[in-house]
Amino acid sequence: EIFVRRNIANMVVATDTNLRAALKFAVEYLKVDHIIVCGHYDCGGLKAASSKNDHTAPLENWLTNIRDVVRLHQEELEAIVIP
């Protein structure tokens, strides 16, 4: 069986109460053994966060998490070579 919980850009944010509740439910009640955080190519959430557009609340608030990672790790991200 698979228990799936998704959000925009499949982010795991520590302050996301919904995510924390879903994980607790999956692990403690459904006895899920393995947690997989999965992304994909051409992610619309990452594209939106990479743009200079203001997407307004609540989407803009959510995308701030990605924008912060990019800002803090810009050099590392630019060093990634995609064949």
N, C-alpha and C. Protein backbone atom coordinates (compact mmCIF):
# COMPACT_ATOMS: atom_id res chain seq x y z
N GLU A 1 0.83 -1.19 0.00
CA GLU A 1 0.00 0.00 0.00
C GLU A 1 0.86 1.24 0.00
N ILE A 2 0.30 2.32 -0.51
CA ILE A 2 0.99 3.61 -0.55
C ILE A 2 0.10 4.66 0.07
N PHE A 3 0.67 5.45 0.96
CA PHE A 3 0.00 6.62 1.53
C PHE A 3 0.68 7.83 0.92
N VAL A 4 -0.06 8.66 0.21
CA VAL A 4 0.52 9.79 -0.50
C VAL A 4 0.02 11.10 0.10
N ARG A 5 0.95 12.01 0.30
CA ARG A 5 0.63 13.37 0.76
C ARG A 5 1.44 14.33 -0.11
N ARG A 6 0.80 15.21 -0.84
CA ARG A 6 1.48 16.10 -1.77
C ARG A 6 1.23 17.56 -1.41
N ASN A 7 2.13 18.41 -1.89
CA ASN A 7 1.93 19.85 -1.84
C ASN A 7 2.70 20.48 -2.99
N ILE A 8 2.61 21.78 -3.14
CA ILE A 8 3.31 22.46 -4.23
C ILE A 8 4.81 22.28 -4.02
N ALA A 9 5.48 21.74 -5.02
CA ALA A 9 6.94 21.48 -5.03
C ALA A 9 7.36 20.38 -4.06
N ASN A 10 6.41 19.62 -3.53
CA ASN A 10 6.70 18.51 -2.61
C ASN A 10 7.69 18.90 -1.52
N MET A 11 7.45 20.05 -0.89
CA MET A 11 8.34 20.52 0.16
C MET A 11 8.00 19.91 1.51
N VAL A 12 9.04 19.73 2.32
CA VAL A 12 8.88 19.32 3.71
C VAL A 12 9.30 20.52 4.56
N VAL A 13 8.31 21.18 5.15
CA VAL A 13 8.54 22.39 5.93
C VAL A 13 8.16 22.09 7.38
N ALA A 14 9.08 22.33 8.28
CA ALA A 14 8.89 21.96 9.69
C ALA A 14 7.67 22.63 10.33
N THR A 15 7.28 23.79 9.83
CA THR A 15 6.14 24.50 10.42
C THR A 15 4.80 24.12 9.79
N ASP A 16 4.82 23.18 8.85
CA ASP A 16 3.60 22.75 8.15
C ASP A 16 2.87 21.72 9.01
N THR A 17 1.86 22.19 9.73
CA THR A 17 1.11 21.33 10.64
C THR A 17 0.41 20.20 9.90
N ASN A 18 -0.07 20.47 8.70
CA ASN A 18 -0.74 19.44 7.91
C ASN A 18 0.23 18.31 7.59
N LEU A 19 1.45 18.67 7.17
CA LEU A 19 2.45 17.64 6.87
C LEU A 19 2.78 16.83 8.12
N ARG A 20 3.00 17.51 9.22
CA ARG A 20 3.35 16.81 10.46
C ARG A 20 2.24 15.87 10.91
N ALA A 21 1.00 16.30 10.77
CA ALA A 21 -0.14 15.45 11.14
C ALA A 21 -0.23 14.25 10.20
N ALA A 22 -0.02 14.46 8.90
CA ALA A 22 -0.08 13.36 7.93
C ALA A 22 1.02 12.34 8.19
N LEU A 23 2.23 12.82 8.50
CA LEU A 23 3.33 11.90 8.81
C LEU A 23 3.04 11.10 10.07
N LYS A 24 2.54 11.78 11.08
CA LYS A 24 2.21 11.09 12.34
C LYS A 24 1.15 10.02 12.10
N PHE A 25 0.13 10.36 11.34
CA PHE A 25 -0.92 9.41 11.01
C PHE A 25 -0.35 8.21 10.25
N ALA A 26 0.48 8.49 9.24
CA ALA A 26 1.05 7.42 8.42
C ALA A 26 1.93 6.49 9.23
N VAL A 27 2.78 7.06 10.07
CA VAL A 27 3.76 6.26 10.81
C VAL A 27 3.13 5.57 12.02
N GLU A 28 2.36 6.32 12.81
CA GLU A 28 1.84 5.75 14.06
C GLU A 28 0.58 4.92 13.89
N TYR A 29 -0.30 5.31 12.96
CA TYR A 29 -1.57 4.61 12.84
C TYR A 29 -1.58 3.61 11.68
N LEU A 30 -0.97 4.00 10.56
CA LEU A 30 -0.95 3.09 9.42
C LEU A 30 0.29 2.20 9.41
N LYS A 31 1.25 2.51 10.28
CA LYS A 31 2.49 1.72 10.42
C LYS A 31 3.32 1.71 9.13
N VAL A 32 3.37 2.87 8.45
CA VAL A 32 4.18 3.01 7.25
C VAL A 32 5.66 2.88 7.63
N ASP A 33 6.39 2.04 6.91
CA ASP A 33 7.80 1.80 7.21
C ASP A 33 8.75 2.76 6.50
N HIS A 34 8.39 3.21 5.33
CA HIS A 34 9.31 4.02 4.52
C HIS A 34 8.64 5.31 4.08
N ILE A 35 9.37 6.42 4.23
CA ILE A 35 8.90 7.74 3.79
C ILE A 35 9.76 8.14 2.59
N ILE A 36 9.13 8.51 1.50
CA ILE A 36 9.85 8.94 0.30
C ILE A 36 9.41 10.36 -0.04
N VAL A 37 10.37 11.26 -0.15
CA VAL A 37 10.09 12.61 -0.64
C VAL A 37 10.57 12.63 -2.08
N CYS A 38 9.65 12.82 -2.99
CA CYS A 38 9.97 12.65 -4.41
C CYS A 38 9.69 13.93 -5.18
N GLY A 39 10.65 14.34 -5.98
CA GLY A 39 10.47 15.48 -6.87
C GLY A 39 10.42 14.99 -8.30
N HIS A 40 10.37 15.94 -9.23
CA HIS A 40 10.33 15.56 -10.64
C HIS A 40 10.87 16.70 -11.49
N TYR A 41 11.22 16.37 -12.72
CA TYR A 41 11.70 17.38 -13.66
C TYR A 41 10.56 18.32 -14.04
N ASP A 42 10.94 19.54 -14.40
CA ASP A 42 9.99 20.52 -14.91
C ASP A 42 8.90 20.86 -13.88
N CYS A 43 9.28 20.95 -12.61
CA CYS A 43 8.35 21.20 -11.52
C CYS A 43 7.77 22.62 -11.60
N GLY A 44 6.48 22.71 -11.68
CA GLY A 44 5.82 24.02 -11.75
C GLY A 44 6.03 24.85 -10.50
N GLY A 45 6.10 24.20 -9.34
CA GLY A 45 6.33 24.93 -8.10
C GLY A 45 7.70 25.59 -8.07
N LEU A 46 8.71 24.84 -8.53
CA LEU A 46 10.06 25.42 -8.59
C LEU A 46 10.13 26.51 -9.64
N LYS A 47 9.45 26.32 -10.75
CA LYS A 47 9.43 27.36 -11.79
C LYS A 47 8.80 28.64 -11.25
N ALA A 48 7.70 28.50 -10.54
CA ALA A 48 7.01 29.66 -9.97
C ALA A 48 7.91 30.38 -8.96
N ALA A 49 8.60 29.61 -8.12
CA ALA A 49 9.48 30.20 -7.11
C ALA A 49 10.69 30.87 -7.75
N SER A 50 11.12 30.36 -8.90
CA SER A 50 12.28 30.91 -9.59
C SER A 50 11.96 32.19 -10.36
N SER A 51 10.70 32.43 -10.57
CA SER A 51 10.31 33.63 -11.32
C SER A 51 10.36 34.84 -10.39
N LYS A 52 10.31 36.01 -10.97
CA LYS A 52 10.34 37.25 -10.18
C LYS A 52 8.92 37.73 -9.88
N ASN A 53 7.93 36.91 -10.25
CA ASN A 53 6.53 37.29 -10.04
C ASN A 53 6.14 37.22 -8.58
N ASP A 54 5.26 38.12 -8.17
CA ASP A 54 4.64 38.04 -6.85
C ASP A 54 3.33 37.29 -7.04
N HIS A 55 3.24 36.09 -6.52
CA HIS A 55 2.07 35.24 -6.74
C HIS A 55 0.97 35.49 -5.71
N THR A 56 1.16 36.42 -4.82
CA THR A 56 0.24 36.80 -3.75
C THR A 56 -0.02 35.63 -2.79
N ALA A 57 -0.50 36.00 -1.62
CA ALA A 57 -0.77 35.02 -0.56
C ALA A 57 -1.94 34.13 -0.98
N PRO A 58 -1.96 32.90 -0.56
CA PRO A 58 -0.99 32.19 0.26
C PRO A 58 0.13 31.53 -0.54
N LEU A 59 0.02 31.51 -1.88
CA LEU A 59 1.05 30.85 -2.69
C LEU A 59 2.41 31.50 -2.50
N GLU A 60 2.46 32.82 -2.50
CA GLU A 60 3.74 33.52 -2.34
C GLU A 60 4.40 33.15 -1.01
N ASN A 61 3.62 33.02 0.05
CA ASN A 61 4.16 32.62 1.36
C ASN A 61 4.81 31.25 1.28
N TRP A 62 4.16 30.32 0.57
CA TRP A 62 4.67 28.96 0.44
C TRP A 62 5.96 28.95 -0.37
N LEU A 63 5.99 29.69 -1.47
CA LEU A 63 7.17 29.72 -2.34
C LEU A 63 8.37 30.39 -1.68
N THR A 64 8.14 31.19 -0.66
CA THR A 64 9.25 31.84 0.06
C THR A 64 10.22 30.81 0.61
N ASN A 65 9.73 29.64 0.98
CA ASN A 65 10.61 28.58 1.49
C ASN A 65 11.65 28.19 0.44
N ILE A 66 11.21 28.03 -0.81
CA ILE A 66 12.13 27.68 -1.89
C ILE A 66 13.07 28.84 -2.17
N ARG A 67 12.53 30.04 -2.22
CA ARG A 67 13.34 31.22 -2.50
C ARG A 67 14.43 31.41 -1.46
N ASP A 68 14.13 31.10 -0.21
CA ASP A 68 15.15 31.19 0.85
C ASP A 68 16.27 30.19 0.62
N VAL A 69 15.94 28.98 0.24
CA VAL A 69 16.97 27.96 -0.04
C VAL A 69 17.85 28.41 -1.19
N VAL A 70 17.24 28.92 -2.24
CA VAL A 70 18.02 29.40 -3.39
C VAL A 70 18.95 30.53 -2.96
N ARG A 71 18.43 31.48 -2.21
CA ARG A 71 19.23 32.62 -1.75
C ARG A 71 20.40 32.16 -0.89
N LEU A 72 20.18 31.24 0.00
CA LEU A 72 21.22 30.79 0.93
C LEU A 72 22.24 29.85 0.30
N HIS A 73 21.86 29.19 -0.78
CA HIS A 73 22.73 28.17 -1.39
C HIS A 73 22.98 28.43 -2.87
N GLN A 74 22.96 29.68 -3.27
CA GLN A 74 23.08 30.06 -4.67
C GLN A 74 24.34 29.48 -5.33
N GLU A 75 25.48 29.58 -4.67
CA GLU A 75 26.73 29.08 -5.26
C GLU A 75 26.68 27.57 -5.50
N GLU A 76 26.18 26.84 -4.52
CA GLU A 76 26.09 25.38 -4.67
C GLU A 76 25.15 25.00 -5.81
N LEU A 77 24.04 25.70 -5.91
CA LEU A 77 23.07 25.39 -6.97
C LEU A 77 23.63 25.71 -8.35
N GLU A 78 24.37 26.80 -8.46
CA GLU A 78 24.95 27.17 -9.75
C GLU A 78 26.05 26.20 -10.17
N ALA A 79 26.64 25.50 -9.22
CA ALA A 79 27.72 24.55 -9.51
C ALA A 79 27.19 23.22 -10.04
N ILE A 80 25.90 22.98 -9.93
CA ILE A 80 25.32 21.72 -10.40
C ILE A 80 25.34 21.69 -11.92
N VAL A 81 25.90 20.61 -12.46
CA VAL A 81 25.95 20.43 -13.90
C VAL A 81 24.87 19.43 -14.30
N ILE A 82 23.98 19.87 -15.17
CA ILE A 82 22.92 18.98 -15.66
C ILE A 82 23.26 18.58 -17.08
N PRO A 83 23.49 17.27 -17.29
CA PRO A 83 23.89 16.81 -18.64
C PRO A 83 22.79 17.01 -19.67
